[in-house]
Amino acid sequence: MTDAAAKPPLVRALWGATHPGPTLVVTVLSLALGIAAGVDPGRLVLLVVAVFSGQVSVGLSNDAIDGARDAAVGRTDKPIAGGAVAPERALAVAVASVVVALALSAPLGTGLLAAHALALASAWAYNAGLKSTPFSIAPFVLSFGLFPSFATLALPAPGLAAPWASLAGAALGAAVHLTNVVRDLDDDRRTGVRGLPHRLGARASVVLAAVGIVIGAIAVLTGTDATVVGIMFFAAVLVVAAAAVTTAFVRAPGRSVFQLTMLAALLLAAQLVVA
């Protein structure tokens, strides 16, 4: 089989370079928050497609910028590092996706346009080099802290989300960053990436992520009327976060710790939507 025949189709390769999992999770979360906030169907479609386009741009730019690093550590499972997509082409599609994201945000109001632009700018700043500094967590705190306001800013009478929702979003973003990097600490060190999790170490990063998730869950619980469902989600967050911390101290942080911490983060996201 020739190299050309072995390569996946361009569209599939580009999709594989968008970080499909996180892209879809964030997009679905925007849909759920929009429904919960009462955004009407027409505006909701614009919001969800805008968020999806923005996430595509973030994922593609990340892999395009990191293509050489990924290739150096043998990450040929990634389309750009594996040669299925040229970094220049991926970056061009990423820029086009940003334009689409902002163009779709504009009809929903200047508030949403500004918030989405700021969130995307912070995410691109992370990809462009902030990931290798002690401030690598800042874009996640900022972008996810703004995220609950996307739904409320998309309403005909726009406004920022409640402070407890923004705090929960920021805690969720911090946890995602601290946890997601744990799997790649060794590869990142080999290529010179030294963000906050690399400086803290895997175990401390997991503990900090779990603590942040619990703080976010407390913010949601105390900021809203405590319903049976809300309390159940809060209890589930506590149990899973505690399991993640316990596992991190029993064994070297690995896939199981990553899965537990991400499950706690997803439960926090669900608690936020229900609230």
C-alpha atoms as a PDB file:
ATOM      1  CA  MET A   1       0.000   0.000   0.000  1.00  0.00           C
ATOM      2  CA  THR A   2       1.422   3.400  -0.943  1.00  0.00           C
ATOM      3  CA  ASP A   3       1.673   6.282   1.507  1.00  0.00           C
ATOM      4  CA  ALA A   4      -0.947   8.194  -0.478  1.00  0.00           C
ATOM      5  CA  ALA A   5      -3.365   5.271  -0.314  1.00  0.00           C
ATOM      6  CA  ALA A   6      -2.769   4.864   3.410  1.00  0.00           C
ATOM      7  CA  LYS A   7      -3.667   8.468   4.194  1.00  0.00           C
ATOM      8  CA  PRO A   8      -7.241   9.175   5.307  1.00  0.00           C
ATOM      9  CA  PRO A   9      -9.398  11.593   3.252  1.00  0.00           C
ATOM     10  CA  LEU A  10      -8.583  15.234   3.901  1.00  0.00           C
ATOM     11  CA  VAL A  11     -11.873  16.096   5.620  1.00  0.00           C
ATOM     12  CA  ARG A  12     -11.572  13.112   7.966  1.00  0.00           C
ATOM     13  CA  ALA A  13      -7.955  13.967   8.716  1.00  0.00           C
ATOM     14  CA  LEU A  14      -8.864  17.590   9.450  1.00  0.00           C
ATOM     15  CA  TRP A  15     -11.668  16.460  11.730  1.00  0.00           C
ATOM     16  CA  GLY A  16      -9.241  14.189  13.551  1.00  0.00           C
ATOM     17  CA  ALA A  17      -7.003  17.194  14.190  1.00  0.00           C
ATOM     18  CA  THR A  18      -9.774  19.243  15.822  1.00  0.00           C
ATOM     19  CA  HIS A  19      -9.631  17.251  19.086  1.00  0.00           C
ATOM     20  CA  PRO A  20     -13.088  15.823  18.274  1.00  0.00           C
ATOM     21  CA  GLY A  21     -13.944  14.675  21.801  1.00  0.00           C
ATOM     22  CA  PRO A  22     -13.534  18.038  23.570  1.00  0.00           C
ATOM     23  CA  THR A  23     -14.974  19.857  20.543  1.00  0.00           C
ATOM     24  CA  LEU A  24     -18.191  17.848  20.705  1.00  0.00           C
ATOM     25  CA  VAL A  25     -18.430  17.988  24.510  1.00  0.00           C
ATOM     26  CA  VAL A  26     -18.143  21.794  24.577  1.00  0.00           C
ATOM     27  CA  THR A  27     -20.608  22.100  21.684  1.00  0.00           C
ATOM     28  CA  VAL A  28     -23.174  19.873  23.411  1.00  0.00           C
ATOM     29  CA  LEU A  29     -22.656  21.827  26.639  1.00  0.00           C
ATOM     30  CA  SER A  30     -23.438  25.077  24.793  1.00  0.00           C
ATOM     31  CA  LEU A  31     -26.641  23.463  23.484  1.00  0.00           C
ATOM     32  CA  ALA A  32     -27.660  22.288  26.953  1.00  0.00           C
ATOM     33  CA  LEU A  33     -26.938  25.659  28.567  1.00  0.00           C
ATOM     34  CA  GLY A  34     -28.795  27.457  25.780  1.00  0.00           C
ATOM     35  CA  ILE A  35     -31.869  25.278  26.264  1.00  0.00           C
ATOM     36  CA  ALA A  36     -31.677  25.728  30.039  1.00  0.00           C
ATOM     37  CA  ALA A  37     -31.463  29.517  29.615  1.00  0.00           C
ATOM     38  CA  GLY A  38     -34.496  29.551  27.310  1.00  0.00           C
ATOM     39  CA  VAL A  39     -32.744  30.654  24.114  1.00  0.00           C
ATOM     40  CA  ASP A  40     -35.217  30.399  21.225  1.00  0.00           C
ATOM     41  CA  PRO A  41     -34.507  27.790  18.486  1.00  0.00           C
ATOM     42  CA  GLY A  42     -33.251  30.214  15.823  1.00  0.00           C
ATOM     43  CA  ARG A  43     -30.792  31.939  18.105  1.00  0.00           C
ATOM     44  CA  LEU A  44     -29.828  28.602  19.662  1.00  0.00           C
ATOM     45  CA  VAL A  45     -28.775  27.198  16.280  1.00  0.00           C
ATOM     46  CA  LEU A  46     -26.554  30.226  15.670  1.00  0.00           C
ATOM     47  CA  LEU A  47     -25.036  29.888  19.141  1.00  0.00           C
ATOM     48  CA  VAL A  48     -24.286  26.175  18.862  1.00  0.00           C
ATOM     49  CA  VAL A  49     -22.781  26.389  15.360  1.00  0.00           C
ATOM     50  CA  ALA A  50     -20.717  29.408  16.427  1.00  0.00           C
ATOM     51  CA  VAL A  51     -19.354  27.498  19.427  1.00  0.00           C
ATOM     52  CA  PHE A  52     -18.660  24.437  17.271  1.00  0.00           C
ATOM     53  CA  SER A  53     -16.758  26.551  14.708  1.00  0.00           C
ATOM     54  CA  GLY A  54     -14.746  28.183  17.462  1.00  0.00           C
ATOM     55  CA  GLN A  55     -13.799  24.837  18.979  1.00  0.00           C
ATOM     56  CA  VAL A  56     -12.754  23.529  15.560  1.00  0.00           C
ATOM     57  CA  SER A  57     -10.436  26.507  15.220  1.00  0.00           C
ATOM     58  CA  VAL A  58      -8.928  25.935  18.663  1.00  0.00           C
ATOM     59  CA  GLY A  59      -8.280  22.234  18.080  1.00  0.00           C
ATOM     60  CA  LEU A  60      -6.829  22.683  14.601  1.00  0.00           C
ATOM     61  CA  SER A  61      -4.561  25.544  15.625  1.00  0.00           C
ATOM     62  CA  ASN A  62      -3.312  23.516  18.581  1.00  0.00           C
ATOM     63  CA  ASP A  63      -2.273  20.554  16.449  1.00  0.00           C
ATOM     64  CA  ALA A  64      -0.944  22.749  13.634  1.00  0.00           C
ATOM     65  CA  ILE A  65       1.316  24.682  16.000  1.00  0.00           C
ATOM     66  CA  ASP A  66       2.374  21.506  17.834  1.00  0.00           C
ATOM     67  CA  GLY A  67       2.867  19.406  14.688  1.00  0.00           C
ATOM     68  CA  ALA A  68       6.652  19.292  14.915  1.00  0.00           C
ATOM     69  CA  ARG A  69       6.570  18.575  18.672  1.00  0.00           C
ATOM     70  CA  ASP A  70       4.054  15.775  18.220  1.00  0.00           C
ATOM     71  CA  ALA A  71       6.136  14.228  15.439  1.00  0.00           C
ATOM     72  CA  ALA A  72       9.258  14.411  17.617  1.00  0.00           C
ATOM     73  CA  VAL A  73       7.648  12.242  20.308  1.00  0.00           C
ATOM     74  CA  GLY A  74       6.120   9.801  17.829  1.00  0.00           C
ATOM     75  CA  ARG A  75       2.504  10.988  17.978  1.00  0.00           C
ATOM     76  CA  THR A  76       1.791   9.709  14.475  1.00  0.00           C
ATOM     77  CA  ASP A  77      -1.774   8.997  15.595  1.00  0.00           C
ATOM     78  CA  LYS A  78      -2.336  12.720  15.169  1.00  0.00           C
ATOM     79  CA  PRO A  79      -3.146  13.600  11.526  1.00  0.00           C
ATOM     80  CA  ILE A  80      -0.776  16.565  11.272  1.00  0.00           C
ATOM     81  CA  ALA A  81       2.156  14.863  13.001  1.00  0.00           C
ATOM     82  CA  GLY A  82       1.496  11.761  10.901  1.00  0.00           C
ATOM     83  CA  GLY A  83       1.620  13.733   7.649  1.00  0.00           C
ATOM     84  CA  ALA A  84      -2.054  13.341   6.682  1.00  0.00           C
ATOM     85  CA  VAL A  85      -2.598  17.115   6.799  1.00  0.00           C
ATOM     86  CA  ALA A  86      -0.087  19.898   6.201  1.00  0.00           C
ATOM     87  CA  PRO A  87       0.190  22.285   9.172  1.00  0.00           C
ATOM     88  CA  GLU A  88      -0.303  25.265   6.855  1.00  0.00           C
ATOM     89  CA  ARG A  89      -3.578  23.867   5.547  1.00  0.00           C
ATOM     90  CA  ALA A  90      -4.842  23.084   9.042  1.00  0.00           C
ATOM     91  CA  LEU A  91      -3.946  26.588  10.197  1.00  0.00           C
ATOM     92  CA  ALA A  92      -5.773  28.121   7.228  1.00  0.00           C
ATOM     93  CA  VAL A  93      -8.919  26.144   8.071  1.00  0.00           C
ATOM     94  CA  ALA A  94      -8.532  27.166  11.720  1.00  0.00           C
ATOM     95  CA  VAL A  95      -8.447  30.858  10.771  1.00  0.00           C
ATOM     96  CA  ALA A  96     -11.483  30.408   8.514  1.00  0.00           C
ATOM     97  CA  SER A  97     -13.300  28.701  11.400  1.00  0.00           C
ATOM     98  CA  VAL A  98     -12.612  31.677  13.677  1.00  0.00           C
ATOM     99  CA  VAL A  99     -14.124  33.996  11.076  1.00  0.00           C
ATOM    100  CA  VAL A 100     -17.225  31.779  10.852  1.00  0.00           C
ATOM    101  CA  ALA A 101     -17.510  31.592  14.650  1.00  0.00           C
ATOM    102  CA  LEU A 102     -17.425  35.367  15.056  1.00  0.00           C
ATOM    103  CA  ALA A 103     -19.678  35.984  12.052  1.00  0.00           C
ATOM    104  CA  LEU A 104     -22.334  33.715  13.576  1.00  0.00           C
ATOM    105  CA  SER A 105     -21.909  35.311  17.006  1.00  0.00           C
ATOM    106  CA  ALA A 106     -22.434  38.858  15.716  1.00  0.00           C
ATOM    107  CA  PRO A 107     -26.199  38.579  15.014  1.00  0.00           C
ATOM    108  CA  LEU A 108     -26.706  37.455  18.617  1.00  0.00           C
ATOM    109  CA  GLY A 109     -25.403  40.741  19.985  1.00  0.00           C
ATOM    110  CA  THR A 110     -22.221  42.646  20.716  1.00  0.00           C
ATOM    111  CA  GLY A 111     -21.996  41.123  24.190  1.00  0.00           C
ATOM    112  CA  LEU A 112     -21.803  37.570  22.907  1.00  0.00           C
ATOM    113  CA  LEU A 113     -19.491  38.612  20.080  1.00  0.00           C
ATOM    114  CA  ALA A 114     -17.086  40.230  22.554  1.00  0.00           C
ATOM    115  CA  ALA A 115     -17.232  37.301  24.989  1.00  0.00           C
ATOM    116  CA  HIS A 116     -16.684  34.716  22.250  1.00  0.00           C
ATOM    117  CA  ALA A 117     -13.844  36.728  20.707  1.00  0.00           C
ATOM    118  CA  LEU A 118     -12.134  37.048  24.089  1.00  0.00           C
ATOM    119  CA  ALA A 119     -12.515  33.330  24.816  1.00  0.00           C
ATOM    120  CA  LEU A 120     -11.121  32.350  21.410  1.00  0.00           C
ATOM    121  CA  ALA A 121      -8.254  34.837  21.701  1.00  0.00           C
ATOM    122  CA  SER A 122      -7.256  33.334  25.049  1.00  0.00           C
ATOM    123  CA  ALA A 123      -7.427  29.792  23.644  1.00  0.00           C
ATOM    124  CA  TRP A 124      -5.253  30.729  20.660  1.00  0.00           C
ATOM    125  CA  ALA A 125      -2.816  32.484  23.010  1.00  0.00           C
ATOM    126  CA  TYR A 126      -2.507  29.215  24.920  1.00  0.00           C
ATOM    127  CA  ASN A 127      -1.772  27.313  21.706  1.00  0.00           C
ATOM    128  CA  ALA A 128       0.689  29.946  20.523  1.00  0.00           C
ATOM    129  CA  GLY A 129       2.953  29.702  23.562  1.00  0.00           C
ATOM    130  CA  LEU A 130       1.188  30.436  26.844  1.00  0.00           C
ATOM    131  CA  LYS A 131       0.964  26.673  27.385  1.00  0.00           C
ATOM    132  CA  SER A 132       4.706  26.676  28.133  1.00  0.00           C
ATOM    133  CA  THR A 133       4.480  29.203  30.972  1.00  0.00           C
ATOM    134  CA  PRO A 134       3.345  29.110  34.617  1.00  0.00           C
ATOM    135  CA  PHE A 135       0.216  30.948  33.421  1.00  0.00           C
ATOM    136  CA  SER A 136      -0.948  28.105  31.188  1.00  0.00           C
ATOM    137  CA  ILE A 137      -4.094  27.703  33.275  1.00  0.00           C
ATOM    138  CA  ALA A 138      -5.242  31.304  32.709  1.00  0.00           C
ATOM    139  CA  PRO A 139      -6.859  30.806  29.259  1.00  0.00           C
ATOM    140  CA  PHE A 140      -8.919  27.891  30.588  1.00  0.00           C
ATOM    141  CA  VAL A 141     -10.092  29.831  33.635  1.00  0.00           C
ATOM    142  CA  LEU A 142     -10.990  32.833  31.462  1.00  0.00           C
ATOM    143  CA  SER A 143     -12.657  30.963  28.585  1.00  0.00           C
ATOM    144  CA  PHE A 144     -14.646  28.524  30.712  1.00  0.00           C
ATOM    145  CA  GLY A 145     -15.503  31.278  33.163  1.00  0.00           C
ATOM    146  CA  LEU A 146     -17.098  33.187  30.274  1.00  0.00           C
ATOM    147  CA  PHE A 147     -18.767  30.102  28.817  1.00  0.00           C
ATOM    148  CA  PRO A 148     -21.961  30.071  30.962  1.00  0.00           C
ATOM    149  CA  SER A 149     -22.568  33.658  29.820  1.00  0.00           C
ATOM    150  CA  PHE A 150     -22.687  32.601  26.162  1.00  0.00           C
ATOM    151  CA  ALA A 151     -26.244  31.334  26.655  1.00  0.00           C
ATOM    152  CA  THR A 152     -27.452  34.346  28.630  1.00  0.00           C
ATOM    153  CA  LEU A 153     -25.772  36.795  26.244  1.00  0.00           C
ATOM    154  CA  ALA A 154     -27.555  35.075  23.323  1.00  0.00           C
ATOM    155  CA  LEU A 155     -30.953  36.027  24.749  1.00  0.00           C
ATOM    156  CA  PRO A 156     -32.904  38.979  23.271  1.00  0.00           C
ATOM    157  CA  ALA A 157     -32.350  40.708  26.633  1.00  0.00           C
ATOM    158  CA  PRO A 158     -28.683  39.779  27.112  1.00  0.00           C
ATOM    159  CA  GLY A 159     -26.795  39.697  30.379  1.00  0.00           C
ATOM    160  CA  LEU A 160     -23.892  37.942  32.060  1.00  0.00           C
ATOM    161  CA  ALA A 161     -24.486  34.663  33.835  1.00  0.00           C
ATOM    162  CA  ALA A 162     -24.746  34.633  37.614  1.00  0.00           C
ATOM    163  CA  PRO A 163     -21.404  34.805  39.457  1.00  0.00           C
ATOM    164  CA  TRP A 164     -21.837  31.260  40.811  1.00  0.00           C
ATOM    165  CA  ALA A 165     -22.198  29.950  37.251  1.00  0.00           C
ATOM    166  CA  SER A 166     -19.071  31.789  36.112  1.00  0.00           C
ATOM    167  CA  LEU A 167     -17.134  30.455  39.115  1.00  0.00           C
ATOM    168  CA  ALA A 168     -18.269  26.914  38.318  1.00  0.00           C
ATOM    169  CA  GLY A 169     -17.236  27.389  34.685  1.00  0.00           C
ATOM    170  CA  ALA A 170     -13.810  28.693  35.679  1.00  0.00           C
ATOM    171  CA  ALA A 171     -13.314  25.749  38.063  1.00  0.00           C
ATOM    172  CA  LEU A 172     -14.320  23.366  35.285  1.00  0.00           C
ATOM    173  CA  GLY A 173     -11.798  24.944  32.902  1.00  0.00           C
ATOM    174  CA  ALA A 174      -8.998  24.748  35.448  1.00  0.00           C
ATOM    175  CA  ALA A 175      -9.763  21.085  36.085  1.00  0.00           C
ATOM    176  CA  VAL A 176      -9.825  20.270  32.371  1.00  0.00           C
ATOM    177  CA  HIS A 177      -6.393  21.830  31.878  1.00  0.00           C
ATOM    178  CA  LEU A 178      -4.774  20.291  34.948  1.00  0.00           C
ATOM    179  CA  THR A 179      -6.178  16.844  34.198  1.00  0.00           C
ATOM    180  CA  ASN A 180      -5.793  16.697  30.433  1.00  0.00           C
ATOM    181  CA  VAL A 181      -2.091  17.522  30.542  1.00  0.00           C
ATOM    182  CA  VAL A 182      -1.340  14.747  33.064  1.00  0.00           C
ATOM    183  CA  ARG A 183      -1.336  12.112  30.305  1.00  0.00           C
ATOM    184  CA  ASP A 184       1.297  13.982  28.261  1.00  0.00           C
ATOM    185  CA  LEU A 185       3.651  15.287  30.949  1.00  0.00           C
ATOM    186  CA  ASP A 186       6.656  13.217  29.861  1.00  0.00           C
ATOM    187  CA  ASP A 187       6.218  13.918  26.147  1.00  0.00           C
ATOM    188  CA  ASP A 188       5.734  17.621  26.843  1.00  0.00           C
ATOM    189  CA  ARG A 189       8.897  17.818  28.931  1.00  0.00           C
ATOM    190  CA  ARG A 190      10.889  16.237  26.093  1.00  0.00           C
ATOM    191  CA  THR A 191       9.739  18.972  23.723  1.00  0.00           C
ATOM    192  CA  GLY A 192      10.239  21.882  26.111  1.00  0.00           C
ATOM    193  CA  VAL A 193       6.637  22.479  27.215  1.00  0.00           C
ATOM    194  CA  ARG A 194       6.544  23.500  30.880  1.00  0.00           C
ATOM    195  CA  GLY A 195       3.145  24.822  31.830  1.00  0.00           C
ATOM    196  CA  LEU A 196       1.689  24.956  35.326  1.00  0.00           C
ATOM    197  CA  PRO A 197       0.833  21.219  35.534  1.00  0.00           C
ATOM    198  CA  HIS A 198       4.380  20.310  34.488  1.00  0.00           C
ATOM    199  CA  ARG A 199       5.759  22.436  37.297  1.00  0.00           C
ATOM    200  CA  LEU A 200       3.304  21.076  39.874  1.00  0.00           C
ATOM    201  CA  GLY A 201       3.654  17.433  38.872  1.00  0.00           C
ATOM    202  CA  ALA A 202       0.946  14.886  38.061  1.00  0.00           C
ATOM    203  CA  ARG A 203      -0.257  14.147  41.601  1.00  0.00           C
ATOM    204  CA  ALA A 204      -0.513  17.781  42.690  1.00  0.00           C
ATOM    205  CA  SER A 205      -2.292  18.657  39.434  1.00  0.00           C
ATOM    206  CA  VAL A 206      -4.927  15.972  39.998  1.00  0.00           C
ATOM    207  CA  VAL A 207      -5.495  17.078  43.593  1.00  0.00           C
ATOM    208  CA  LEU A 208      -5.793  20.735  42.569  1.00  0.00           C
ATOM    209  CA  ALA A 209      -8.200  19.804  39.759  1.00  0.00           C
ATOM    210  CA  ALA A 210     -10.380  17.792  42.153  1.00  0.00           C
ATOM    211  CA  VAL A 211     -10.433  20.598  44.715  1.00  0.00           C
ATOM    212  CA  GLY A 212     -11.405  23.064  41.988  1.00  0.00           C
ATOM    213  CA  ILE A 213     -14.250  20.820  40.835  1.00  0.00           C
ATOM    214  CA  VAL A 214     -15.594  20.549  44.379  1.00  0.00           C
ATOM    215  CA  ILE A 215     -15.409  24.335  44.797  1.00  0.00           C
ATOM    216  CA  GLY A 216     -17.347  24.726  41.556  1.00  0.00           C
ATOM    217  CA  ALA A 217     -19.951  22.233  42.727  1.00  0.00           C
ATOM    218  CA  ILE A 218     -20.340  24.088  46.030  1.00  0.00           C
ATOM    219  CA  ALA A 219     -20.788  27.355  44.118  1.00  0.00           C
ATOM    220  CA  VAL A 220     -23.598  25.859  42.057  1.00  0.00           C
ATOM    221  CA  LEU A 221     -25.282  24.301  45.081  1.00  0.00           C
ATOM    222  CA  THR A 222     -25.165  27.464  47.216  1.00  0.00           C
ATOM    223  CA  GLY A 223     -26.035  29.789  44.344  1.00  0.00           C
ATOM    224  CA  THR A 224     -29.276  28.028  43.451  1.00  0.00           C
ATOM    225  CA  ASP A 225     -32.294  26.504  45.124  1.00  0.00           C
ATOM    226  CA  ALA A 226     -31.209  23.096  46.371  1.00  0.00           C
ATOM    227  CA  THR A 227     -33.311  20.500  44.566  1.00  0.00           C
ATOM    228  CA  VAL A 228     -33.113  16.751  45.034  1.00  0.00           C
ATOM    229  CA  VAL A 229     -31.503  16.379  41.594  1.00  0.00           C
ATOM    230  CA  GLY A 230     -29.032  19.161  42.297  1.00  0.00           C
ATOM    231  CA  ILE A 231     -28.023  17.605  45.603  1.00  0.00           C
ATOM    232  CA  MET A 232     -27.599  14.221  43.929  1.00  0.00           C
ATOM    233  CA  PHE A 233     -25.251  15.713  41.334  1.00  0.00           C
ATOM    234  CA  PHE A 234     -23.308  17.495  44.091  1.00  0.00           C
ATOM    235  CA  ALA A 235     -22.936  14.249  46.024  1.00  0.00           C
ATOM    236  CA  ALA A 236     -21.781  12.438  42.881  1.00  0.00           C
ATOM    237  CA  VAL A 237     -19.152  15.121  42.231  1.00  0.00           C
ATOM    238  CA  LEU A 238     -17.830  14.744  45.782  1.00  0.00           C
ATOM    239  CA  VAL A 239     -17.627  10.957  45.563  1.00  0.00           C
ATOM    240  CA  VAL A 240     -15.877  10.872  42.184  1.00  0.00           C
ATOM    241  CA  ALA A 241     -13.484  13.714  43.055  1.00  0.00           C
ATOM    242  CA  ALA A 242     -12.557  11.929  46.288  1.00  0.00           C
ATOM    243  CA  ALA A 243     -11.994   8.707  44.351  1.00  0.00           C
ATOM    244  CA  ALA A 244      -9.691  10.536  41.920  1.00  0.00           C
ATOM    245  CA  VAL A 245      -7.583  12.011  44.734  1.00  0.00           C
ATOM    246  CA  THR A 246      -7.417   8.684  46.580  1.00  0.00           C
ATOM    247  CA  THR A 247      -6.351   6.859  43.418  1.00  0.00           C
ATOM    248  CA  ALA A 248      -3.696   9.487  42.717  1.00  0.00           C
ATOM    249  CA  PHE A 249      -2.097   8.809  46.103  1.00  0.00           C
ATOM    250  CA  VAL A 250      -2.424   5.028  45.916  1.00  0.00           C
ATOM    251  CA  ARG A 251      -0.721   4.712  42.534  1.00  0.00           C
ATOM    252  CA  ALA A 252       1.138   6.864  40.042  1.00  0.00           C
ATOM    253  CA  PRO A 253      -1.420   9.062  38.259  1.00  0.00           C
ATOM    254  CA  GLY A 254      -2.389   7.378  34.991  1.00  0.00           C
ATOM    255  CA  ARG A 255      -5.388   6.661  32.839  1.00  0.00           C
ATOM    256  CA  SER A 256      -7.717   5.714  35.711  1.00  0.00           C
ATOM    257  CA  VAL A 257      -7.006   8.978  37.556  1.00  0.00           C
ATOM    258  CA  PHE A 258      -7.539  10.931  34.343  1.00  0.00           C
ATOM    259  CA  GLN A 259     -10.877   9.208  33.727  1.00  0.00           C
ATOM    260  CA  LEU A 260     -12.099   9.757  37.286  1.00  0.00           C
ATOM    261  CA  THR A 261     -11.178  13.436  37.302  1.00  0.00           C
ATOM    262  CA  MET A 262     -12.762  14.026  33.897  1.00  0.00           C
ATOM    263  CA  LEU A 263     -15.904  12.216  35.083  1.00  0.00           C
ATOM    264  CA  ALA A 264     -16.069  14.580  38.064  1.00  0.00           C
ATOM    265  CA  ALA A 265     -15.680  17.516  35.661  1.00  0.00           C
ATOM    266  CA  LEU A 266     -18.512  16.199  33.459  1.00  0.00           C
ATOM    267  CA  LEU A 267     -20.724  15.786  36.526  1.00  0.00           C
ATOM    268  CA  LEU A 268     -19.997  19.400  37.469  1.00  0.00           C
ATOM    269  CA  ALA A 269     -20.981  20.455  33.938  1.00  0.00           C
ATOM    270  CA  ALA A 270     -24.211  18.477  34.265  1.00  0.00           C
ATOM    271  CA  GLN A 271     -24.889  20.030  37.665  1.00  0.00           C
ATOM    272  CA  LEU A 272     -24.385  23.474  36.126  1.00  0.00           C
ATOM    273  CA  VAL A 273     -26.878  22.724  33.324  1.00  0.00           C
ATOM    274  CA  VAL A 274     -29.477  21.339  35.747  1.00  0.00           C
ATOM    275  CA  ALA A 275     -29.104  24.404  37.976  1.00  0.00           C
END
